[in-house]
PDB file of N, CA and C in Angstrom:
ATOM      1  N   MET A   1    -117.671  16.574 -15.611  1.00  0.00           N
ATOM      2  CA  MET A   1    -117.904  17.284 -16.846  1.00  0.00           C
ATOM      3  C   MET A   1    -116.692  17.106 -17.750  1.00  0.00           C
ATOM      4  N   LYS A   2    -116.950  16.792 -19.008  1.00  0.00           N
ATOM      5  CA  LYS A   2    -115.881  16.557 -19.965  1.00  0.00           C
ATOM      6  C   LYS A   2    -115.393  17.878 -20.558  1.00  0.00           C
ATOM      7  N   VAL A   3    -114.127  17.897 -20.942  1.00  0.00           N
ATOM      8  CA  VAL A   3    -113.507  19.085 -21.509  1.00  0.00           C
ATOM      9  C   VAL A   3    -114.242  19.531 -22.772  1.00  0.00           C
ATOM     10  N   VAL A   4    -114.685  18.579 -23.584  1.00  0.00           N
ATOM     11  CA  VAL A   4    -115.404  18.916 -24.813  1.00  0.00           C
ATOM     12  C   VAL A   4    -116.672  19.702 -24.480  1.00  0.00           C
ATOM     13  N   GLU A   5    -117.383  19.311 -23.420  1.00  0.00           N
ATOM     14  CA  GLU A   5    -118.591  20.042 -23.004  1.00  0.00           C
ATOM     15  C   GLU A   5    -118.235  21.454 -22.543  1.00  0.00           C
ATOM     16  N   ILE A   6    -117.130  21.581 -21.831  1.00  0.00           N
ATOM     17  CA  ILE A   6    -116.689  22.894 -21.349  1.00  0.00           C
ATOM     18  C   ILE A   6    -116.366  23.799 -22.531  1.00  0.00           C
ATOM     19  N   ILE A   7    -115.659  23.278 -23.509  1.00  0.00           N
ATOM     20  CA  ILE A   7    -115.283  24.073 -24.676  1.00  0.00           C
ATOM     21  C   ILE A   7    -116.531  24.507 -25.450  1.00  0.00           C
ATOM     22  N   LYS A   8    -117.524  23.635 -25.560  1.00  0.00           N
ATOM     23  CA  LYS A   8    -118.780  24.016 -26.215  1.00  0.00           C
ATOM     24  C   LYS A   8    -119.436  25.166 -25.469  1.00  0.00           C
ATOM     25  N   ILE A   9    -119.443  25.108 -24.153  1.00  0.00           N
ATOM     26  CA  ILE A   9    -120.041  26.174 -23.353  1.00  0.00           C
ATOM     27  C   ILE A   9    -119.277  27.480 -23.545  1.00  0.00           C
ATOM     28  N   LEU A  10    -117.959  27.404 -23.537  1.00  0.00           N
ATOM     29  CA  LEU A  10    -117.131  28.598 -23.664  1.00  0.00           C
ATOM     30  C   LEU A  10    -117.123  29.170 -25.080  1.00  0.00           C
ATOM     31  N   SER A  11    -117.653  28.433 -26.041  1.00  0.00           N
ATOM     32  CA  SER A  11    -117.582  28.877 -27.441  1.00  0.00           C
ATOM     33  C   SER A  11    -118.600  29.960 -27.789  1.00  0.00           C
ATOM     34  N   ASP A  12    -119.519  30.261 -26.890  1.00  0.00           N
ATOM     35  CA  ASP A  12    -120.535  31.278 -27.155  1.00  0.00           C
ATOM     36  C   ASP A  12    -120.208  32.552 -26.387  1.00  0.00           C
ATOM     37  N   THR A  13    -120.209  33.692 -27.057  1.00  0.00           N
ATOM     38  CA  THR A  13    -119.853  34.968 -26.421  1.00  0.00           C
ATOM     39  C   THR A  13    -120.785  35.307 -25.262  1.00  0.00           C
ATOM     40  N   ASN A  14    -122.089  35.112 -25.434  1.00  0.00           N
ATOM     41  CA  ASN A  14    -123.003  35.431 -24.335  1.00  0.00           C
ATOM     42  C   ASN A  14    -122.759  34.547 -23.115  1.00  0.00           C
ATOM     43  N   ARG A  15    -122.459  33.285 -23.334  1.00  0.00           N
ATOM     44  CA  ARG A  15    -122.164  32.402 -22.196  1.00  0.00           C
ATOM     45  C   ARG A  15    -120.863  32.821 -21.520  1.00  0.00           C
ATOM     46  N   LEU A  16    -119.873  33.238 -22.299  1.00  0.00           N
ATOM     47  CA  LEU A  16    -118.629  33.752 -21.709  1.00  0.00           C
ATOM     48  C   LEU A  16    -118.907  34.992 -20.867  1.00  0.00           C
ATOM     49  N   ARG A  17    -119.740  35.872 -21.366  1.00  0.00           N
ATOM     50  CA  ARG A  17    -120.096  37.081 -20.625  1.00  0.00           C
ATOM     51  C   ARG A  17    -120.775  36.731 -19.302  1.00  0.00           C
ATOM     52  N   ILE A  18    -121.694  35.787 -19.343  1.00  0.00           N
ATOM     53  CA  ILE A  18    -122.392  35.343 -18.136  1.00  0.00           C
ATOM     54  C   ILE A  18    -121.404  34.738 -17.151  1.00  0.00           C
ATOM     55  N   LEU A  19    -120.576  33.829 -17.634  1.00  0.00           N
ATOM     56  CA  LEU A  19    -119.616  33.139 -16.760  1.00  0.00           C
ATOM     57  C   LEU A  19    -118.584  34.098 -16.186  1.00  0.00           C
ATOM     58  N   ASN A  20    -118.186  35.085 -16.965  1.00  0.00           N
ATOM     59  CA  ASN A  20    -117.228  36.074 -16.502  1.00  0.00           C
ATOM     60  C   ASN A  20    -117.747  36.766 -15.230  1.00  0.00           C
ATOM     61  N   LEU A  21    -119.035  37.100 -15.212  1.00  0.00           N
ATOM     62  CA  LEU A  21    -119.630  37.729 -14.026  1.00  0.00           C
ATOM     63  C   LEU A  21    -119.851  36.716 -12.909  1.00  0.00           C
ATOM     64  N   LEU A  22    -120.310  35.522 -13.272  1.00  0.00           N
ATOM     65  CA  LEU A  22    -120.568  34.509 -12.246  1.00  0.00           C
ATOM     66  C   LEU A  22    -119.282  33.996 -11.605  1.00  0.00           C
ATOM     67  N   TYR A  23    -118.167  34.160 -12.284  1.00  0.00           N
ATOM     68  CA  TYR A  23    -116.890  33.786 -11.670  1.00  0.00           C
ATOM     69  C   TYR A  23    -116.595  34.698 -10.483  1.00  0.00           C
ATOM     70  N   GLU A  24    -117.077  35.924 -10.558  1.00  0.00           N
ATOM     71  CA  GLU A  24    -116.860  36.895  -9.485  1.00  0.00           C
ATOM     72  C   GLU A  24    -117.782  36.652  -8.298  1.00  0.00           C
ATOM     73  N   ARG A  25    -119.052  36.297  -8.589  1.00  0.00           N
ATOM     74  CA  ARG A  25    -120.008  36.077  -7.500  1.00  0.00           C
ATOM     75  C   ARG A  25    -121.314  35.490  -8.026  1.00  0.00           C
ATOM     76  N   GLU A  26    -122.077  34.936  -7.126  1.00  0.00           N
ATOM     77  CA  GLU A  26    -123.415  34.460  -7.446  1.00  0.00           C
ATOM     78  C   GLU A  26    -124.285  35.661  -7.813  1.00  0.00           C
ATOM     79  N   LEU A  27    -125.110  35.490  -8.842  1.00  0.00           N
ATOM     80  CA  LEU A  27    -125.985  36.580  -9.275  1.00  0.00           C
ATOM     81  C   LEU A  27    -127.373  36.048  -9.599  1.00  0.00           C
ATOM     82  N   CYS A  28    -128.340  36.926  -9.437  1.00  0.00           N
ATOM     83  CA  CYS A  28    -129.730  36.645  -9.779  1.00  0.00           C
ATOM     84  C   CYS A  28    -129.907  36.823 -11.286  1.00  0.00           C
ATOM     85  N   VAL A  29    -130.884  36.150 -11.835  1.00  0.00           N
ATOM     86  CA  VAL A  29    -131.179  36.283 -13.265  1.00  0.00           C
ATOM     87  C   VAL A  29    -131.437  37.742 -13.622  1.00  0.00           C
ATOM     88  N   CYS A  30    -132.197  38.453 -12.791  1.00  0.00           N
ATOM     89  CA  CYS A  30    -132.490  39.858 -13.111  1.00  0.00           C
ATOM     90  C   CYS A  30    -131.221  40.704 -13.066  1.00  0.00           C
ATOM     91  N   GLU A  31    -130.279  40.376 -12.190  1.00  0.00           N
ATOM     92  CA  GLU A  31    -129.010  41.109 -12.148  1.00  0.00           C
ATOM     93  C   GLU A  31    -128.214  40.869 -13.426  1.00  0.00           C
ATOM     94  N   LEU A  32    -128.170  39.628 -13.875  1.00  0.00           N
ATOM     95  CA  LEU A  32    -127.468  39.310 -15.119  1.00  0.00           C
ATOM     96  C   LEU A  32    -128.127  40.013 -16.302  1.00  0.00           C
ATOM     97  N   GLU A  33    -129.433  39.996 -16.332  1.00  0.00           N
ATOM     98  CA  GLU A  33    -130.169  40.671 -17.405  1.00  0.00           C
ATOM     99  C   GLU A  33    -129.838  42.158 -17.424  1.00  0.00           C
ATOM    100  N   TYR A  34    -129.823  42.774 -16.261  1.00  0.00           N
ATOM    101  CA  TYR A  34    -129.513  44.203 -16.136  1.00  0.00           C
ATOM    102  C   TYR A  34    -128.069  44.495 -16.534  1.00  0.00           C
ATOM    103  N   LEU A  35    -127.135  43.718 -16.017  1.00  0.00           N
ATOM    104  CA  LEU A  35    -125.712  43.981 -16.247  1.00  0.00           C
ATOM    105  C   LEU A  35    -125.278  43.715 -17.679  1.00  0.00           C
ATOM    106  N   LEU A  36    -125.880  42.713 -18.312  1.00  0.00           N
ATOM    107  CA  LEU A  36    -125.443  42.310 -19.646  1.00  0.00           C
ATOM    108  C   LEU A  36    -126.326  42.848 -20.769  1.00  0.00           C
ATOM    109  N   GLY A  37    -127.526  43.312 -20.419  1.00  0.00           N
ATOM    110  CA  GLY A  37    -128.434  43.793 -21.454  1.00  0.00           C
ATOM    111  C   GLY A  37    -128.919  42.683 -22.363  1.00  0.00           C
ATOM    112  N   ILE A  38    -129.018  41.479 -21.830  1.00  0.00           N
ATOM    113  CA  ILE A  38    -129.503  40.320 -22.578  1.00  0.00           C
ATOM    114  C   ILE A  38    -130.963  40.099 -22.193  1.00  0.00           C
ATOM    115  N   SER A  39    -131.801  39.758 -23.157  1.00  0.00           N
ATOM    116  CA  SER A  39    -133.213  39.516 -22.857  1.00  0.00           C
ATOM    117  C   SER A  39    -133.346  38.332 -21.903  1.00  0.00           C
ATOM    118  N   GLN A  40    -134.409  38.347 -21.138  1.00  0.00           N
ATOM    119  CA  GLN A  40    -134.633  37.290 -20.149  1.00  0.00           C
ATOM    120  C   GLN A  40    -134.744  35.917 -20.817  1.00  0.00           C
ATOM    121  N   SER A  41    -135.403  35.854 -21.964  1.00  0.00           N
ATOM    122  CA  SER A  41    -135.550  34.555 -22.641  1.00  0.00           C
ATOM    123  C   SER A  41    -134.214  34.027 -23.149  1.00  0.00           C
ATOM    124  N   ASN A  42    -133.399  34.905 -23.726  1.00  0.00           N
ATOM    125  CA  ASN A  42    -132.069  34.507 -24.214  1.00  0.00           C
ATOM    126  C   ASN A  42    -131.183  34.089 -23.042  1.00  0.00           C
ATOM    127  N   LEU A  43    -131.213  34.863 -21.982  1.00  0.00           N
ATOM    128  CA  LEU A  43    -130.423  34.561 -20.784  1.00  0.00           C
ATOM    129  C   LEU A  43    -130.834  33.217 -20.197  1.00  0.00           C
ATOM    130  N   SER A  44    -132.136  32.995 -20.074  1.00  0.00           N
ATOM    131  CA  SER A  44    -132.637  31.731 -19.510  1.00  0.00           C
ATOM    132  C   SER A  44    -132.185  30.533 -20.328  1.00  0.00           C
ATOM    133  N   LYS A  45    -132.184  30.694 -21.652  1.00  0.00           N
ATOM    134  CA  LYS A  45    -131.733  29.612 -22.538  1.00  0.00           C
ATOM    135  C   LYS A  45    -130.280  29.237 -22.219  1.00  0.00           C
ATOM    136  N   HIS A  46    -129.424  30.233 -22.084  1.00  0.00           N
ATOM    137  CA  HIS A  46    -128.010  29.972 -21.799  1.00  0.00           C
ATOM    138  C   HIS A  46    -127.817  29.394 -20.390  1.00  0.00           C
ATOM    139  N   LEU A  47    -128.522  29.941 -19.420  1.00  0.00           N
ATOM    140  CA  LEU A  47    -128.412  29.437 -18.044  1.00  0.00           C
ATOM    141  C   LEU A  47    -128.890  27.990 -17.955  1.00  0.00           C
ATOM    142  N   ARG A  48    -129.983  27.668 -18.630  1.00  0.00           N
ATOM    143  CA  ARG A  48    -130.507  26.300 -18.632  1.00  0.00           C
ATOM    144  C   ARG A  48    -129.487  25.341 -19.257  1.00  0.00           C
ATOM    145  N   LEU A  49    -128.914  25.729 -20.391  1.00  0.00           N
ATOM    146  CA  LEU A  49    -127.928  24.883 -21.069  1.00  0.00           C
ATOM    147  C   LEU A  49    -126.733  24.616 -20.152  1.00  0.00           C
ATOM    148  N   MET A  50    -126.213  25.678 -19.507  1.00  0.00           N
ATOM    149  CA  MET A  50    -125.039  25.514 -18.642  1.00  0.00           C
ATOM    150  C   MET A  50    -125.383  24.736 -17.376  1.00  0.00           C
ATOM    151  N   SER A  51    -126.590  24.907 -16.861  1.00  0.00           N
ATOM    152  CA  SER A  51    -127.019  24.157 -15.678  1.00  0.00           C
ATOM    153  C   SER A  51    -127.185  22.684 -16.013  1.00  0.00           C
ATOM    154  N   ASN A  52    -127.830  22.393 -17.133  1.00  0.00           N
ATOM    155  CA  ASN A  52    -128.039  20.997 -17.547  1.00  0.00           C
ATOM    156  C   ASN A  52    -126.721  20.280 -17.795  1.00  0.00           C
ATOM    157  N   ALA A  53    -125.717  21.022 -18.229  1.00  0.00           N
ATOM    158  CA  ALA A  53    -124.391  20.435 -18.471  1.00  0.00           C
ATOM    159  C   ALA A  53    -123.616  20.237 -17.171  1.00  0.00           C
ATOM    160  N   GLY A  54    -124.112  20.801 -16.070  1.00  0.00           N
ATOM    161  CA  GLY A  54    -123.421  20.668 -14.790  1.00  0.00           C
ATOM    162  C   GLY A  54    -122.416  21.763 -14.511  1.00  0.00           C
ATOM    163  N   PHE A  55    -122.429  22.817 -15.322  1.00  0.00           N
ATOM    164  CA  PHE A  55    -121.476  23.913 -15.156  1.00  0.00           C
ATOM    165  C   PHE A  55    -121.923  24.884 -14.065  1.00  0.00           C
ATOM    166  N   LEU A  56    -123.235  25.065 -13.951  1.00  0.00           N
ATOM    167  CA  LEU A  56    -123.798  26.008 -12.982  1.00  0.00           C
ATOM    168  C   LEU A  56    -124.675  25.282 -11.984  1.00  0.00           C
ATOM    169  N   GLU A  57    -124.828  25.901 -10.840  1.00  0.00           N
ATOM    170  CA  GLU A  57    -125.856  25.450  -9.911  1.00  0.00           C
ATOM    171  C   GLU A  57    -126.737  26.645  -9.595  1.00  0.00           C
ATOM    172  N   GLY A  58    -128.004  26.370  -9.426  1.00  0.00           N
ATOM    173  CA  GLY A  58    -128.954  27.429  -9.171  1.00  0.00           C
ATOM    174  C   GLY A  58    -129.717  27.183  -7.883  1.00  0.00           C
ATOM    175  N   ARG A  59    -130.279  28.261  -7.375  1.00  0.00           N
ATOM    176  CA  ARG A  59    -131.143  28.173  -6.198  1.00  0.00           C
ATOM    177  C   ARG A  59    -132.203  29.254  -6.319  1.00  0.00           C
ATOM    178  N   ARG A  60    -133.310  29.025  -5.650  1.00  0.00           N
ATOM    179  CA  ARG A  60    -134.398  30.003  -5.652  1.00  0.00           C
ATOM    180  C   ARG A  60    -134.510  30.632  -4.278  1.00  0.00           C
ATOM    181  N   GLU A  61    -134.764  31.923  -4.288  1.00  0.00           N
ATOM    182  CA  GLU A  61    -135.025  32.659  -3.064  1.00  0.00           C
ATOM    183  C   GLU A  61    -136.224  33.555  -3.359  1.00  0.00           C
ATOM    184  N   ASN A  62    -137.359  33.199  -2.764  1.00  0.00           N
ATOM    185  CA  ASN A  62    -138.623  33.861  -3.075  1.00  0.00           C
ATOM    186  C   ASN A  62    -138.879  33.735  -4.574  1.00  0.00           C
ATOM    187  N   LYS A  63    -139.077  34.823  -5.280  1.00  0.00           N
ATOM    188  CA  LYS A  63    -139.351  34.738  -6.717  1.00  0.00           C
ATOM    189  C   LYS A  63    -138.098  34.882  -7.579  1.00  0.00           C
ATOM    190  N   PHE A  64    -136.933  34.943  -6.955  1.00  0.00           N
ATOM    191  CA  PHE A  64    -135.687  35.169  -7.686  1.00  0.00           C
ATOM    192  C   PHE A  64    -134.860  33.895  -7.793  1.00  0.00           C
ATOM    193  N   ALA A  65    -134.249  33.700  -8.969  1.00  0.00           N
ATOM    194  CA  ALA A  65    -133.367  32.553  -9.210  1.00  0.00           C
ATOM    195  C   ALA A  65    -131.931  33.049  -9.266  1.00  0.00           C
ATOM    196  N   TYR A  66    -131.068  32.408  -8.492  1.00  0.00           N
ATOM    197  CA  TYR A  66    -129.654  32.780  -8.411  1.00  0.00           C
ATOM    198  C   TYR A  66    -128.803  31.652  -8.992  1.00  0.00           C
ATOM    199  N   TYR A  67    -127.702  32.044  -9.636  1.00  0.00           N
ATOM    200  CA  TYR A  67    -126.792  31.074 -10.248  1.00  0.00           C
ATOM    201  C   TYR A  67    -125.354  31.356  -9.839  1.00  0.00           C
ATOM    202  N   ARG A  68    -124.583  30.277  -9.820  1.00  0.00           N
ATOM    203  CA  ARG A  68    -123.148  30.374  -9.576  1.00  0.00           C
ATOM    204  C   ARG A  68    -122.473  29.222 -10.300  1.00  0.00           C
ATOM    205  N   ILE A  69    -121.176  29.371 -10.527  1.00  0.00           N
ATOM    206  CA  ILE A  69    -120.401  28.304 -11.166  1.00  0.00           C
ATOM    207  C   ILE A  69    -120.162  27.209 -10.128  1.00  0.00           C
ATOM    208  N   GLN A  70    -120.344  25.973 -10.534  1.00  0.00           N
ATOM    209  CA  GLN A  70    -120.106  24.828  -9.646  1.00  0.00           C
ATOM    210  C   GLN A  70    -118.640  24.809  -9.209  1.00  0.00           C
ATOM    211  N   ASP A  71    -118.401  24.734  -7.906  1.00  0.00           N
ATOM    212  CA  ASP A  71    -117.033  24.659  -7.394  1.00  0.00           C
ATOM    213  C   ASP A  71    -116.284  23.458  -7.959  1.00  0.00           C
ATOM    214  N   GLU A  72    -116.988  22.344  -8.109  1.00  0.00           N
ATOM    215  CA  GLU A  72    -116.346  21.117  -8.606  1.00  0.00           C
ATOM    216  C   GLU A  72    -115.817  21.281 -10.022  1.00  0.00           C
ATOM    217  N   VAL A  73    -116.520  22.045 -10.836  1.00  0.00           N
ATOM    218  CA  VAL A  73    -116.065  22.271 -12.219  1.00  0.00           C
ATOM    219  C   VAL A  73    -114.735  23.014 -12.199  1.00  0.00           C
ATOM    220  N   LEU A  74    -114.662  24.051 -11.360  1.00  0.00           N
ATOM    221  CA  LEU A  74    -113.411  24.818 -11.260  1.00  0.00           C
ATOM    222  C   LEU A  74    -112.293  23.991 -10.645  1.00  0.00           C
ATOM    223  N   ASP A  75    -112.619  23.168  -9.645  1.00  0.00           N
ATOM    224  CA  ASP A  75    -111.606  22.328  -9.001  1.00  0.00           C
ATOM    225  C   ASP A  75    -111.095  21.236  -9.937  1.00  0.00           C
ATOM    226  N   ASP A  76    -112.014  20.636 -10.705  1.00  0.00           N
ATOM    227  CA  ASP A  76    -111.646  19.533 -11.594  1.00  0.00           C
ATOM    228  C   ASP A  76    -110.940  19.996 -12.872  1.00  0.00           C
ATOM    229  N   HIS A  77    -111.102  21.269 -13.206  1.00  0.00           N
ATOM    230  CA  HIS A  77    -110.532  21.801 -14.453  1.00  0.00           C
ATOM    231  C   HIS A  77    -109.816  23.119 -14.172  1.00  0.00           C
ATOM    232  N   PRO A  78    -108.602  23.048 -13.612  1.00  0.00           N
ATOM    233  CA  PRO A  78    -107.882  24.268 -13.225  1.00  0.00           C
ATOM    234  C   PRO A  78    -107.600  25.230 -14.370  1.00  0.00           C
ATOM    235  N   PHE A  79    -107.628  24.759 -15.600  1.00  0.00           N
ATOM    236  CA  PHE A  79    -107.402  25.666 -16.729  1.00  0.00           C
ATOM    237  C   PHE A  79    -108.488  26.744 -16.793  1.00  0.00           C
ATOM    238  N   LEU A  80    -109.658  26.462 -16.228  1.00  0.00           N
ATOM    239  CA  LEU A  80    -110.734  27.455 -16.223  1.00  0.00           C
ATOM    240  C   LEU A  80    -110.365  28.670 -15.380  1.00  0.00           C
ATOM    241  N   LYS A  81    -109.705  28.437 -14.265  1.00  0.00           N
ATOM    242  CA  LYS A  81    -109.282  29.557 -13.422  1.00  0.00           C
ATOM    243  C   LYS A  81    -108.322  30.461 -14.185  1.00  0.00           C
ATOM    244  N   THR A  82    -107.427  29.861 -14.949  1.00  0.00           N
ATOM    245  CA  THR A  82    -106.498  30.632 -15.764  1.00  0.00           C
ATOM    246  C   THR A  82    -107.259  31.457 -16.805  1.00  0.00           C
ATOM    247  N   ILE A  83    -108.252  30.850 -17.419  1.00  0.00           N
ATOM    248  CA  ILE A  83    -109.049  31.570 -18.414  1.00  0.00           C
ATOM    249  C   ILE A  83    -109.751  32.759 -17.765  1.00  0.00           C
ATOM    250  N   PHE A  84    -110.423  32.524 -16.626  1.00  0.00           N
ATOM    251  CA  PHE A  84    -111.180  33.601 -15.975  1.00  0.00           C
ATOM    252  C   PHE A  84    -110.289  34.660 -15.351  1.00  0.00           C
ATOM    253  N   GLU A  85    -109.192  34.245 -14.771  1.00  0.00           N
ATOM    254  CA  GLU A  85    -108.347  35.195 -14.038  1.00  0.00           C
ATOM    255  C   GLU A  85    -107.316  35.905 -14.913  1.00  0.00           C
ATOM    256  N   ASN A  86    -106.981  35.317 -16.045  1.00  0.00           N
ATOM    257  CA  ASN A  86    -105.943  35.913 -16.897  1.00  0.00           C
ATOM    258  C   ASN A  86    -106.439  36.252 -18.302  1.00  0.00           C
ATOM    259  N   GLU A  87    -106.894  35.258 -19.014  1.00  0.00           N
ATOM    260  CA  GLU A  87    -107.207  35.446 -20.434  1.00  0.00           C
ATOM    261  C   GLU A  87    -108.391  36.372 -20.666  1.00  0.00           C
ATOM    262  N   LEU A  88    -109.456  36.222 -19.902  1.00  0.00           N
ATOM    263  CA  LEU A  88    -110.624  37.069 -20.121  1.00  0.00           C
ATOM    264  C   LEU A  88    -110.376  38.513 -19.712  1.00  0.00           C
ATOM    265  N   LYS A  89    -109.386  38.735 -18.866  1.00  0.00           N
ATOM    266  CA  LYS A  89    -109.039  40.102 -18.446  1.00  0.00           C
ATOM    267  C   LYS A  89    -108.418  40.893 -19.599  1.00  0.00           C
ATOM    268  N   LYS A  90    -108.059  40.206 -20.677  1.00  0.00           N
ATOM    269  CA  LYS A  90    -107.477  40.866 -21.839  1.00  0.00           C
ATOM    270  C   LYS A  90    -108.552  41.390 -22.793  1.00  0.00           C
ATOM    271  N   GLU A  91    -109.800  41.020 -22.536  1.00  0.00           N
ATOM    272  CA  GLU A  91    -110.909  41.428 -23.403  1.00  0.00           C
ATOM    273  C   GLU A  91    -111.579  42.666 -22.822  1.00  0.00           C
ATOM    274  N   GLY A  92    -111.492  43.779 -23.536  1.00  0.00           N
ATOM    275  CA  GLY A  92    -112.005  45.051 -23.047  1.00  0.00           C
ATOM    276  C   GLY A  92    -113.477  45.025 -22.671  1.00  0.00           C
ATOM    277  N   PHE A  93    -114.320  44.438 -23.522  1.00  0.00           N
ATOM    278  CA  PHE A  93    -115.752  44.444 -23.237  1.00  0.00           C
ATOM    279  C   PHE A  93    -116.082  43.620 -21.996  1.00  0.00           C
ATOM    280  N   LEU A  94    -115.319  42.561 -21.733  1.00  0.00           N
ATOM    281  CA  LEU A  94    -115.539  41.760 -20.523  1.00  0.00           C
ATOM    282  C   LEU A  94    -115.090  42.527 -19.278  1.00  0.00           C
ATOM    283  N   MET A  95    -114.017  43.273 -19.412  1.00  0.00           N
ATOM    284  CA  MET A  95    -113.564  44.102 -18.285  1.00  0.00           C
ATOM    285  C   MET A  95    -114.565  45.223 -18.012  1.00  0.00           C
ATOM    286  N   ASP A  96    -115.155  45.783 -19.069  1.00  0.00           N
ATOM    287  CA  ASP A  96    -116.190  46.802 -18.888  1.00  0.00           C
ATOM    288  C   ASP A  96    -117.366  46.237 -18.097  1.00  0.00           C
ATOM    289  N   GLU A  97    -117.729  45.006 -18.400  1.00  0.00           N
ATOM    290  CA  GLU A  97    -118.846  44.376 -17.680  1.00  0.00           C
ATOM    291  C   GLU A  97    -118.483  44.079 -16.225  1.00  0.00           C
ATOM    292  N   LEU A  98    -117.228  43.722 -15.970  1.00  0.00           N
ATOM    293  CA  LEU A  98    -116.795  43.538 -14.575  1.00  0.00           C
ATOM    294  C   LEU A  98    -116.817  44.870 -13.829  1.00  0.00           C
ATOM    295  N   ASN A  99    -116.429  45.936 -14.497  1.00  0.00           N
ATOM    296  CA  ASN A  99    -116.504  47.272 -13.883  1.00  0.00           C
ATOM    297  C   ASN A  99    -117.948  47.647 -13.592  1.00  0.00           C
ATOM    298  N   LYS A 100    -118.852  47.308 -14.502  1.00  0.00           N
ATOM    299  CA  LYS A 100    -120.272  47.572 -14.277  1.00  0.00           C
ATOM    300  C   LYS A 100    -120.771  46.762 -13.072  1.00  0.00           C
ATOM    301  N   LEU A 101    -120.284  45.522 -12.927  1.00  0.00           N
ATOM    302  CA  LEU A 101    -120.636  44.702 -11.769  1.00  0.00           C
ATOM    303  C   LEU A 101    -120.163  45.368 -10.483  1.00  0.00           C
ATOM    304  N   ASN A 102    -118.937  45.865 -10.480  1.00  0.00           N
ATOM    305  CA  ASN A 102    -118.408  46.542  -9.285  1.00  0.00           C
ATOM    306  C   ASN A 102    -119.211  47.784  -8.945  1.00  0.00           C
ATOM    307  N   THR A 103    -119.582  48.561  -9.955  1.00  0.00           N
ATOM    308  CA  THR A 103    -120.412  49.746  -9.729  1.00  0.00           C
ATOM    309  C   THR A 103    -121.766  49.337  -9.167  1.00  0.00           C
ATOM    310  N   TYR A 104    -122.330  48.283  -9.722  1.00  0.00           N
ATOM    311  CA  TYR A 104    -123.619  47.768  -9.251  1.00  0.00           C
ATOM    312  C   TYR A 104    -123.529  47.336  -7.788  1.00  0.00           C
ATOM    313  N   GLN A 105    -122.480  46.616  -7.446  1.00  0.00           N
ATOM    314  CA  GLN A 105    -122.306  46.140  -6.071  1.00  0.00           C
ATOM    315  C   GLN A 105    -122.230  47.298  -5.085  1.00  0.00           C
ATOM    316  N   ASP A 106    -121.672  48.423  -5.514  1.00  0.00           N
ATOM    317  CA  ASP A 106    -121.544  49.591  -4.646  1.00  0.00           C
ATOM    318  C   ASP A 106    -122.802  50.460  -4.635  1.00  0.00           C
ATOM    319  N   SER A 107    -123.795  50.103  -5.444  1.00  0.00           N
ATOM    320  CA  SER A 107    -125.010  50.911  -5.541  1.00  0.00           C
ATOM    321  C   SER A 107    -126.064  50.423  -4.546  1.00  0.00           C
ATOM    322  N   ASP A 108    -127.178  51.121  -4.544  1.00  0.00           N
ATOM    323  CA  ASP A 108    -128.304  50.748  -3.684  1.00  0.00           C
ATOM    324  C   ASP A 108    -129.332  49.894  -4.421  1.00  0.00           C
ATOM    325  N   LEU A 109    -129.007  49.478  -5.633  1.00  0.00           N
ATOM    326  CA  LEU A 109    -129.948  48.675  -6.406  1.00  0.00           C
ATOM    327  C   LEU A 109    -130.121  47.296  -5.779  1.00  0.00           C
ATOM    328  N   THR A 110    -131.347  46.793  -5.855  1.00  0.00           N
ATOM    329  CA  THR A 110    -131.668  45.444  -5.394  1.00  0.00           C
ATOM    330  C   THR A 110    -132.384  44.717  -6.530  1.00  0.00           C
ATOM    331  N   CYS A 111    -132.612  43.449  -6.359  1.00  0.00           N
ATOM    332  CA  CYS A 111    -133.346  42.701  -7.380  1.00  0.00           C
ATOM    333  C   CYS A 111    -134.734  43.299  -7.607  1.00  0.00           C
ATOM    334  N   GLN A 112    -135.376  43.749  -6.550  1.00  0.00           N
ATOM    335  CA  GLN A 112    -136.690  44.369  -6.689  1.00  0.00           C
ATOM    336  C   GLN A 112    -136.601  45.631  -7.547  1.00  0.00           C
ATOM    337  N   ASN A 113    -135.588  46.487  -7.304  1.00  0.00           N
ATOM    338  CA  ASN A 113    -135.412  47.704  -8.104  1.00  0.00           C
ATOM    339  C   ASN A 113    -135.127  47.366  -9.560  1.00  0.00           C
ATOM    340  N   ILE A 114    -134.264  46.390  -9.763  1.00  0.00           N
ATOM    341  CA  ILE A 114    -133.876  46.015 -11.117  1.00  0.00           C
ATOM    342  C   ILE A 114    -135.084  45.472 -11.879  1.00  0.00           C
ATOM    343  N   THR A 115    -135.886  44.642 -11.222  1.00  0.00           N
ATOM    344  CA  THR A 115    -137.066  44.086 -11.863  1.00  0.00           C
ATOM    345  C   THR A 115    -137.988  45.209 -12.314  1.00  0.00           C
ATOM    346  N   ALA A 116    -138.142  46.218 -11.474  1.00  0.00           N
ATOM    347  CA  ALA A 116    -138.987  47.359 -11.847  1.00  0.00           C
ATOM    348  C   ALA A 116    -138.372  48.133 -13.018  1.00  0.00           C
ATOM    349  N   LEU A 117    -137.047  48.296 -13.030  1.00  0.00           N
ATOM    350  CA  LEU A 117    -136.369  49.003 -14.130  1.00  0.00           C
ATOM    351  C   LEU A 117    -136.518  48.259 -15.444  1.00  0.00           C
ATOM    352  N   ILE A 118    -136.324  46.959 -15.385  1.00  0.00           N
ATOM    353  CA  ILE A 118    -136.373  46.133 -16.609  1.00  0.00           C
ATOM    354  C   ILE A 118    -137.792  46.090 -17.153  1.00  0.00           C
ATOM    355  N   SER A 119    -138.772  46.053 -16.268  1.00  0.00           N
ATOM    356  CA  SER A 119    -140.181  45.948 -16.698  1.00  0.00           C
ATOM    357  C   SER A 119    -140.694  47.219 -17.350  1.00  0.00           C
ATOM    358  N   SER A 120    -140.102  48.359 -16.991  1.00  0.00           N
ATOM    359  CA  SER A 120    -140.625  49.620 -17.530  1.00  0.00           C
ATOM    360  C   SER A 120    -140.049  50.000 -18.864  1.00  0.00           C
TER     361      SER A 120
END
C-alpha cells in the first residue's frame, strides 16, 4: 500500500473514527455502527473503500462481518502506529469513543443484542 493511499484514507474523519477503534481490536459492523452512531450504509461505504485499498481485512461469521486493520499495513508503515498510539490520543472525541469501546467490552452486549437495538 502506498503512502498516498494511506493519507487519502486517513483524510476522512469517519474513517479515522473507524480505524481508531479497529486499532484496538477486531469489530463487527454492527458493533462499529453502535459505537460510532454511523448509519450502516455510510459505514459499509467506508469499510469497502478501506478493504479495497488493502487497509482492512474482513471475515464473516454466520451473518456478521468482522473487520480488522491488516497487520502488514502497520508493519510496513510504522508511522501509523505513532498516529494511533500518540496523535489520535490527543483528540477528545476519539478518546471518548475508545472509552465507549471499553465500556462496551465490559458489558453483556453481543452482536445479536446490538442488532436488535439498532433495528428498533
